[in-house]
Amino acid sequence: MAASGSLNLDTHPALALSAEWEAHLRRDRRRSEHTIRAYAATARRLIGFLGQHRADAIDGKALTAVDAAEMRAFLATRREEGIGNASAARELSALRGFLAFVGEKSGGEGAPRLRGPRVKRGAPRPVSPDDAIAIADDAEEEAAKPWIGLRDKAVLLLLYGAGLRIGEAVALTGAALPLGETLIVTGKRAKTRVVPLLPQVRAAIEAYVATCPWATARDVPLFRGAKGGPLAPDIIRRAVRAARARLSLPDRTTPHALRHSFATHLLGRGADLRALQELLGHASLSSTQVYTGVDAAHLLDVYRNAHPRA
């Protein structure tokens, strides 16, 4: 049975709280839209689960009374639906945040203490430079229309050549034009960073802009969908899946793996870890260390050399 059950969440008495939390994540925490959608969905699933579990309507008071046993039962139900350790850990993180938010509003204690599943932290293996370029070229050649092929190639080269997240690439607007040697990117939590723009990447974007059937403006998306709307990240993911199938590349060849390749290839050529942290838009150096697979000893050396109080 699904965790949300058959309850009509549109009229559920606790739905207003989940909506307020969703607005809080967007307005005050400045979370990404992907995170907001995932966390809000978890909150709604919990509300539905509790309504079935307790056979009663769930409101703020009921949410502040959630105990560890109920949280474990909820996560067990989600496990039965097929989620793995990483997804279970994200669900638990969302539950803690939601119940803490409800607790602050209702005077409760927030989420009960519950140890999450162990998640082995890792990153996708890098794609070779030749394969990265082959994917971009294949996506261009196989597209339904020439301008769409140029669009897909430009986006993929941004991931590999500039280290952008796929969401950051499709969120670019016409304000990026005219292109120069650098590009201002808005990343997670609305933080901006400046990344170098290689001549090949700049040329690919300019070729797309020259053939795109829709005019560019500062406040409209740079990359357009087939009907002129904003380009959805899933369109690029599908293009990569199709390209890797035609090129007989492994399943680990994803858009995110292209960004990872940007990082590992720069690191392999001697890039400084802190400079790489800035290029990737990571909030902490530890994120960069995990992402690039740098060993802890090297991380400590960089820290000792760079930190004024180390």
Protein backbone atom coordinates (compact mmCIF):
# COMPACT_ATOMS: atom_id res chain seq x y z
CA MET A 1 0.00 0.00 0.00
CA ALA A 2 1.40 3.42 -0.89
CA ALA A 3 2.42 5.67 1.97
CA SER A 4 0.02 8.37 0.83
CA GLY A 5 -2.83 5.85 0.73
CA SER A 6 -6.17 6.82 -0.76
CA LEU A 7 -6.60 9.99 1.31
CA ASN A 8 -7.55 13.16 -0.52
CA LEU A 9 -4.62 15.34 0.44
CA ASP A 10 -6.24 18.38 -1.18
CA THR A 11 -8.67 18.57 1.76
CA HIS A 12 -6.38 17.13 4.43
CA PRO A 13 -6.20 19.33 7.57
CA ALA A 14 -2.37 19.17 7.69
CA LEU A 15 -1.82 20.04 4.03
CA ALA A 16 -1.62 23.76 4.84
CA LEU A 17 1.40 23.05 7.03
CA SER A 18 3.19 21.18 4.25
CA ALA A 19 2.41 24.07 1.88
CA GLU A 20 3.80 26.58 4.38
CA TRP A 21 6.93 24.48 4.76
CA GLU A 22 7.31 24.30 1.00
CA ALA A 23 7.10 28.10 0.83
CA HIS A 24 9.63 28.34 3.68
CA LEU A 25 12.09 26.13 1.81
CA ARG A 26 11.74 28.28 -1.29
CA ARG A 27 11.70 31.72 0.34
CA ASP A 28 13.83 31.41 3.47
CA ARG A 29 16.08 28.40 2.87
CA ARG A 30 16.53 29.08 -0.86
CA ARG A 31 16.52 25.41 -1.69
CA SER A 32 16.55 24.17 -5.27
CA GLU A 33 13.22 23.43 -6.94
CA HIS A 34 14.17 19.76 -7.16
CA THR A 35 14.77 19.60 -3.40
CA ILE A 36 11.58 21.52 -2.66
CA ARG A 37 9.46 19.14 -4.74
CA ALA A 38 11.06 16.07 -3.18
CA TYR A 39 10.78 17.31 0.41
CA ALA A 40 7.19 18.51 -0.02
CA ALA A 41 6.23 15.11 -1.49
CA THR A 42 7.75 13.39 1.56
CA ALA A 43 5.74 15.61 3.90
CA ARG A 44 2.52 14.78 2.08
CA ARG A 45 3.35 11.07 2.14
CA LEU A 46 3.89 11.23 5.90
CA ILE A 47 0.55 12.98 6.42
CA GLY A 48 -1.25 10.32 4.41
CA PHE A 49 0.57 7.51 6.18
CA LEU A 50 -0.27 8.87 9.64
CA GLY A 51 -3.91 9.31 8.69
CA GLN A 52 -4.10 5.62 7.85
CA HIS A 53 -1.90 4.52 10.73
CA ARG A 54 -3.94 6.39 13.33
CA ALA A 55 -7.26 6.19 11.50
CA ASP A 56 -7.81 9.86 12.29
CA ALA A 57 -7.43 13.29 10.72
CA ILE A 58 -3.92 14.70 11.05
CA ASP A 59 -3.32 18.29 12.12
CA GLY A 60 -0.40 20.24 13.58
CA LYS A 61 -0.91 18.83 17.06
CA ALA A 62 -0.88 15.28 15.72
CA LEU A 63 2.32 15.96 13.79
CA THR A 64 4.11 17.21 16.90
CA ALA A 65 3.26 13.89 18.57
CA VAL A 66 4.98 11.73 15.93
CA ASP A 67 7.35 9.30 17.65
CA ALA A 68 10.34 7.27 16.50
CA ALA A 69 8.25 4.11 16.08
CA GLU A 70 5.94 5.86 13.64
CA MET A 71 8.85 7.28 11.68
CA ARG A 72 10.41 3.83 11.46
CA ALA A 73 7.07 2.40 10.31
CA PHE A 74 6.78 5.09 7.64
CA LEU A 75 10.31 4.43 6.37
CA ALA A 76 9.65 0.68 6.41
CA THR A 77 6.63 1.26 4.18
CA ARG A 78 8.76 3.28 1.81
CA ARG A 79 11.34 0.49 1.81
CA GLU A 80 8.62 -1.93 0.76
CA GLU A 81 7.96 0.37 -2.17
CA GLY A 82 11.54 -0.15 -3.31
CA ILE A 83 13.57 2.86 -2.20
CA GLY A 84 17.23 2.30 -1.34
CA ASN A 85 19.52 3.62 1.40
CA ALA A 86 20.22 6.97 -0.24
CA SER A 87 16.54 7.67 -0.87
CA ALA A 88 15.63 6.56 2.65
CA ALA A 89 18.24 8.92 4.07
CA ARG A 90 16.80 11.81 2.03
CA GLU A 91 13.29 10.92 3.19
CA LEU A 92 14.47 10.96 6.81
CA SER A 93 16.16 14.33 6.29
CA ALA A 94 12.93 15.72 4.84
CA LEU A 95 10.90 14.31 7.75
CA ARG A 96 13.21 15.91 10.30
CA GLY A 97 13.00 19.27 8.58
CA PHE A 98 9.22 19.17 8.22
CA LEU A 99 8.54 18.06 11.79
CA ALA A 100 11.00 20.63 13.15
CA PHE A 101 9.16 23.32 11.18
CA VAL A 102 5.80 22.13 12.50
CA GLY A 103 7.24 21.99 16.02
CA GLU A 104 8.36 25.61 15.87
CA LYS A 105 4.92 26.72 14.71
CA SER A 106 2.97 24.55 17.14
CA GLY A 107 5.24 24.62 20.18
CA GLY A 108 6.25 20.98 19.89
CA GLU A 109 9.64 19.33 20.15
CA GLY A 110 10.17 18.60 16.47
CA ALA A 111 11.29 15.28 15.04
CA PRO A 112 12.27 12.39 17.35
CA ARG A 113 15.86 11.20 17.20
CA LEU A 114 16.30 8.41 14.70
CA ARG A 115 19.49 7.09 13.17
CA GLY A 116 19.41 7.08 9.40
CA PRO A 117 20.64 4.34 7.08
CA ARG A 118 24.30 4.25 6.22
CA VAL A 119 24.95 5.65 2.78
CA LYS A 120 28.22 5.07 1.03
CA ARG A 121 29.21 8.44 -0.38
CA GLY A 122 30.57 8.35 -3.85
CA ALA A 123 30.46 9.99 -7.24
CA PRO A 124 29.94 8.77 -10.78
CA ARG A 125 33.02 7.68 -12.65
CA PRO A 126 34.31 10.25 -15.12
CA VAL A 127 33.68 10.03 -18.83
CA SER A 128 36.75 10.14 -21.05
CA PRO A 129 37.29 13.37 -23.03
CA ASP A 130 36.76 11.53 -26.32
CA ASP A 131 33.50 10.00 -25.10
CA ALA A 132 32.25 13.33 -23.77
CA ILE A 133 32.77 14.99 -27.15
CA ALA A 134 31.31 11.96 -28.95
CA ILE A 135 28.11 12.22 -26.90
CA ALA A 136 27.72 15.90 -27.73
CA ASP A 137 28.37 15.30 -31.44
CA ASP A 138 25.98 12.34 -31.56
CA ALA A 139 23.21 14.30 -29.83
CA GLU A 140 23.63 17.04 -32.43
CA GLU A 141 23.56 14.67 -35.39
CA GLU A 142 20.53 12.65 -34.24
CA ALA A 143 18.27 15.53 -33.20
CA ALA A 144 14.92 16.05 -34.95
CA LYS A 145 15.89 19.53 -36.17
CA PRO A 146 19.28 21.17 -36.73
CA TRP A 147 18.72 23.92 -34.14
CA ILE A 148 17.71 21.34 -31.54
CA GLY A 149 20.89 19.41 -32.23
CA LEU A 150 22.95 22.56 -31.76
CA ARG A 151 21.05 23.28 -28.54
CA ASP A 152 21.74 19.84 -27.09
CA LYS A 153 25.40 20.02 -28.04
CA ALA A 154 25.77 23.46 -26.43
CA VAL A 155 24.18 22.28 -23.17
CA LEU A 156 26.31 19.12 -23.01
CA LEU A 157 29.50 21.07 -23.65
CA LEU A 158 28.55 23.43 -20.82
CA LEU A 159 28.35 20.43 -18.48
CA TYR A 160 31.68 18.98 -19.58
CA GLY A 161 33.57 22.16 -20.52
CA ALA A 162 32.39 24.44 -17.70
CA GLY A 163 31.29 22.01 -14.98
CA LEU A 164 27.71 23.24 -14.78
CA ARG A 165 24.93 21.23 -13.19
CA ILE A 166 22.22 20.42 -15.72
CA GLY A 167 19.75 22.61 -13.83
CA GLU A 168 22.19 25.53 -13.95
CA ALA A 169 22.66 25.16 -17.69
CA VAL A 170 18.97 25.13 -18.58
CA ALA A 171 18.34 28.04 -16.17
CA LEU A 172 20.61 30.40 -18.11
CA THR A 173 18.83 33.36 -19.67
CA GLY A 174 19.55 35.73 -22.51
CA ALA A 175 21.35 37.91 -19.96
CA ALA A 176 24.39 35.68 -20.59
CA LEU A 177 24.69 37.19 -24.08
CA PRO A 178 26.89 38.40 -25.60
CA LEU A 179 29.28 35.72 -24.45
CA GLY A 180 32.72 36.56 -23.16
CA GLU A 181 35.57 34.58 -21.66
CA THR A 182 33.59 33.89 -18.48
CA LEU A 183 30.01 33.08 -17.57
CA ILE A 184 28.07 34.04 -14.44
CA VAL A 185 26.16 31.01 -13.15
CA THR A 186 23.46 30.88 -10.48
CA GLY A 187 23.77 27.67 -8.51
CA LYS A 188 22.22 26.11 -5.44
CA ARG A 189 20.66 28.47 -2.89
CA ALA A 190 20.86 31.26 -5.49
CA LYS A 191 24.64 31.57 -5.10
CA THR A 192 26.43 32.95 -8.13
CA ARG A 193 29.88 32.05 -9.37
CA VAL A 194 32.04 32.89 -12.38
CA VAL A 195 33.28 30.06 -14.59
CA PRO A 196 35.65 30.25 -17.57
CA LEU A 197 34.08 29.72 -20.96
CA LEU A 198 36.27 27.75 -23.35
CA PRO A 199 36.28 28.91 -26.99
CA GLN A 200 34.72 25.61 -28.11
CA VAL A 201 31.86 25.96 -25.62
CA ARG A 202 31.31 29.60 -26.55
CA ALA A 203 31.23 28.69 -30.24
CA ALA A 204 28.67 25.94 -29.61
CA ILE A 205 26.35 28.30 -27.73
CA GLU A 206 26.68 30.99 -30.38
CA ALA A 207 25.89 28.47 -33.13
CA TYR A 208 22.73 27.47 -31.28
CA VAL A 209 21.66 31.09 -30.70
CA ALA A 210 22.16 31.87 -34.40
CA THR A 211 19.78 29.10 -35.47
CA CYS A 212 17.23 29.15 -32.63
CA PRO A 213 13.81 30.14 -34.05
CA TRP A 214 12.99 32.24 -30.98
CA ALA A 215 14.52 35.61 -30.23
CA THR A 216 16.64 35.96 -27.11
CA ALA A 217 16.05 38.54 -24.40
CA ARG A 218 17.64 39.14 -21.01
CA ASP A 219 14.67 37.80 -19.05
CA VAL A 220 13.81 34.70 -21.11
CA PRO A 221 15.45 31.25 -21.10
CA LEU A 222 18.52 30.95 -23.29
CA PHE A 223 17.80 27.31 -24.09
CA ARG A 224 14.31 26.64 -25.46
CA GLY A 225 12.21 23.53 -25.80
CA ALA A 226 10.85 22.39 -29.16
CA LYS A 227 7.72 24.56 -28.72
CA GLY A 228 9.55 27.60 -27.42
CA GLY A 229 9.16 27.08 -23.68
CA PRO A 230 12.00 26.59 -21.19
CA LEU A 231 14.14 23.54 -21.88
CA ALA A 232 13.44 20.75 -19.39
CA PRO A 233 16.45 18.90 -17.94
CA ASP A 234 14.82 15.55 -18.80
CA ILE A 235 15.09 16.38 -22.50
CA ILE A 236 18.87 16.49 -22.16
CA ARG A 237 18.90 13.34 -20.03
CA ARG A 238 16.95 11.50 -22.74
CA ALA A 239 19.34 12.77 -25.41
CA VAL A 240 22.29 11.41 -23.42
CA ARG A 241 20.59 8.04 -22.87
CA ALA A 242 19.95 7.73 -26.60
CA ALA A 243 23.50 8.77 -27.47
CA ARG A 244 25.15 6.34 -25.08
CA ALA A 245 23.01 3.52 -26.47
CA ARG A 246 24.11 4.32 -30.02
CA LEU A 247 27.74 4.67 -28.91
CA SER A 248 27.65 1.54 -26.69
CA LEU A 249 28.71 3.50 -23.61
CA PRO A 250 27.99 2.31 -20.04
CA ASP A 251 24.91 3.38 -18.08
CA ARG A 252 27.07 5.51 -15.81
CA THR A 253 27.45 7.95 -18.72
CA THR A 254 24.98 10.61 -17.59
CA PRO A 255 24.80 14.41 -17.72
CA HIS A 256 26.04 14.52 -14.12
CA ALA A 257 28.98 12.32 -15.05
CA LEU A 258 30.01 14.99 -17.59
CA ARG A 259 30.20 17.56 -14.77
CA HIS A 260 32.16 15.06 -12.70
CA SER A 261 34.53 14.56 -15.61
CA PHE A 262 35.15 18.31 -15.76
CA ALA A 263 36.25 18.17 -12.12
CA THR A 264 38.38 15.05 -12.26
CA HIS A 265 40.13 16.01 -15.48
CA LEU A 266 41.03 19.46 -14.10
CA LEU A 267 42.25 17.91 -10.87
CA GLY A 268 44.32 15.40 -12.79
CA ARG A 269 46.03 18.27 -14.58
CA GLY A 270 47.04 19.89 -11.30
CA ALA A 271 44.12 22.21 -10.53
CA ASP A 272 44.05 23.54 -6.97
CA LEU A 273 41.31 21.97 -4.87
CA ARG A 274 40.01 25.29 -3.55
CA ALA A 275 39.89 26.78 -7.03
CA LEU A 276 37.98 23.70 -8.15
CA GLN A 277 35.57 24.17 -5.24
CA GLU A 278 34.78 27.66 -6.54
CA LEU A 279 34.32 26.45 -10.11
CA LEU A 280 31.92 23.72 -9.02
CA GLY A 281 29.95 25.96 -6.68
CA HIS A 282 30.40 23.72 -3.64
CA ALA A 283 29.63 25.27 -0.26
CA SER A 284 32.35 23.30 1.50
CA LEU A 285 35.69 21.82 0.57
CA SER A 286 34.58 18.43 1.87
CA SER A 287 31.95 18.30 -0.88
CA THR A 288 34.65 18.81 -3.48
CA GLN A 289 36.85 16.16 -1.87
CA VAL A 290 34.10 13.54 -2.02
CA TYR A 291 33.02 14.58 -5.49
CA THR A 292 36.44 14.32 -7.05
CA GLY A 293 37.64 11.32 -5.10
CA VAL A 294 40.64 13.11 -3.63
CA ASP A 295 42.18 11.21 -0.74
CA ALA A 296 41.92 12.66 2.76
CA ALA A 297 45.69 13.14 3.13
CA HIS A 298 45.83 15.42 0.10
CA LEU A 299 42.77 17.30 1.36
CA LEU A 300 44.55 17.95 4.68
CA ASP A 301 47.67 19.19 2.88
CA VAL A 302 45.59 21.67 0.88
CA TYR A 303 43.85 22.82 4.04
CA ARG A 304 47.13 23.34 5.91
CA ASN A 305 48.60 25.33 3.04
CA ALA A 306 45.54 27.47 2.43
CA HIS A 307 43.90 28.14 5.78
CA PRO A 308 45.41 31.08 7.75
CA ARG A 309 44.74 29.39 11.11
CA ALA A 310 45.54 25.82 10.15
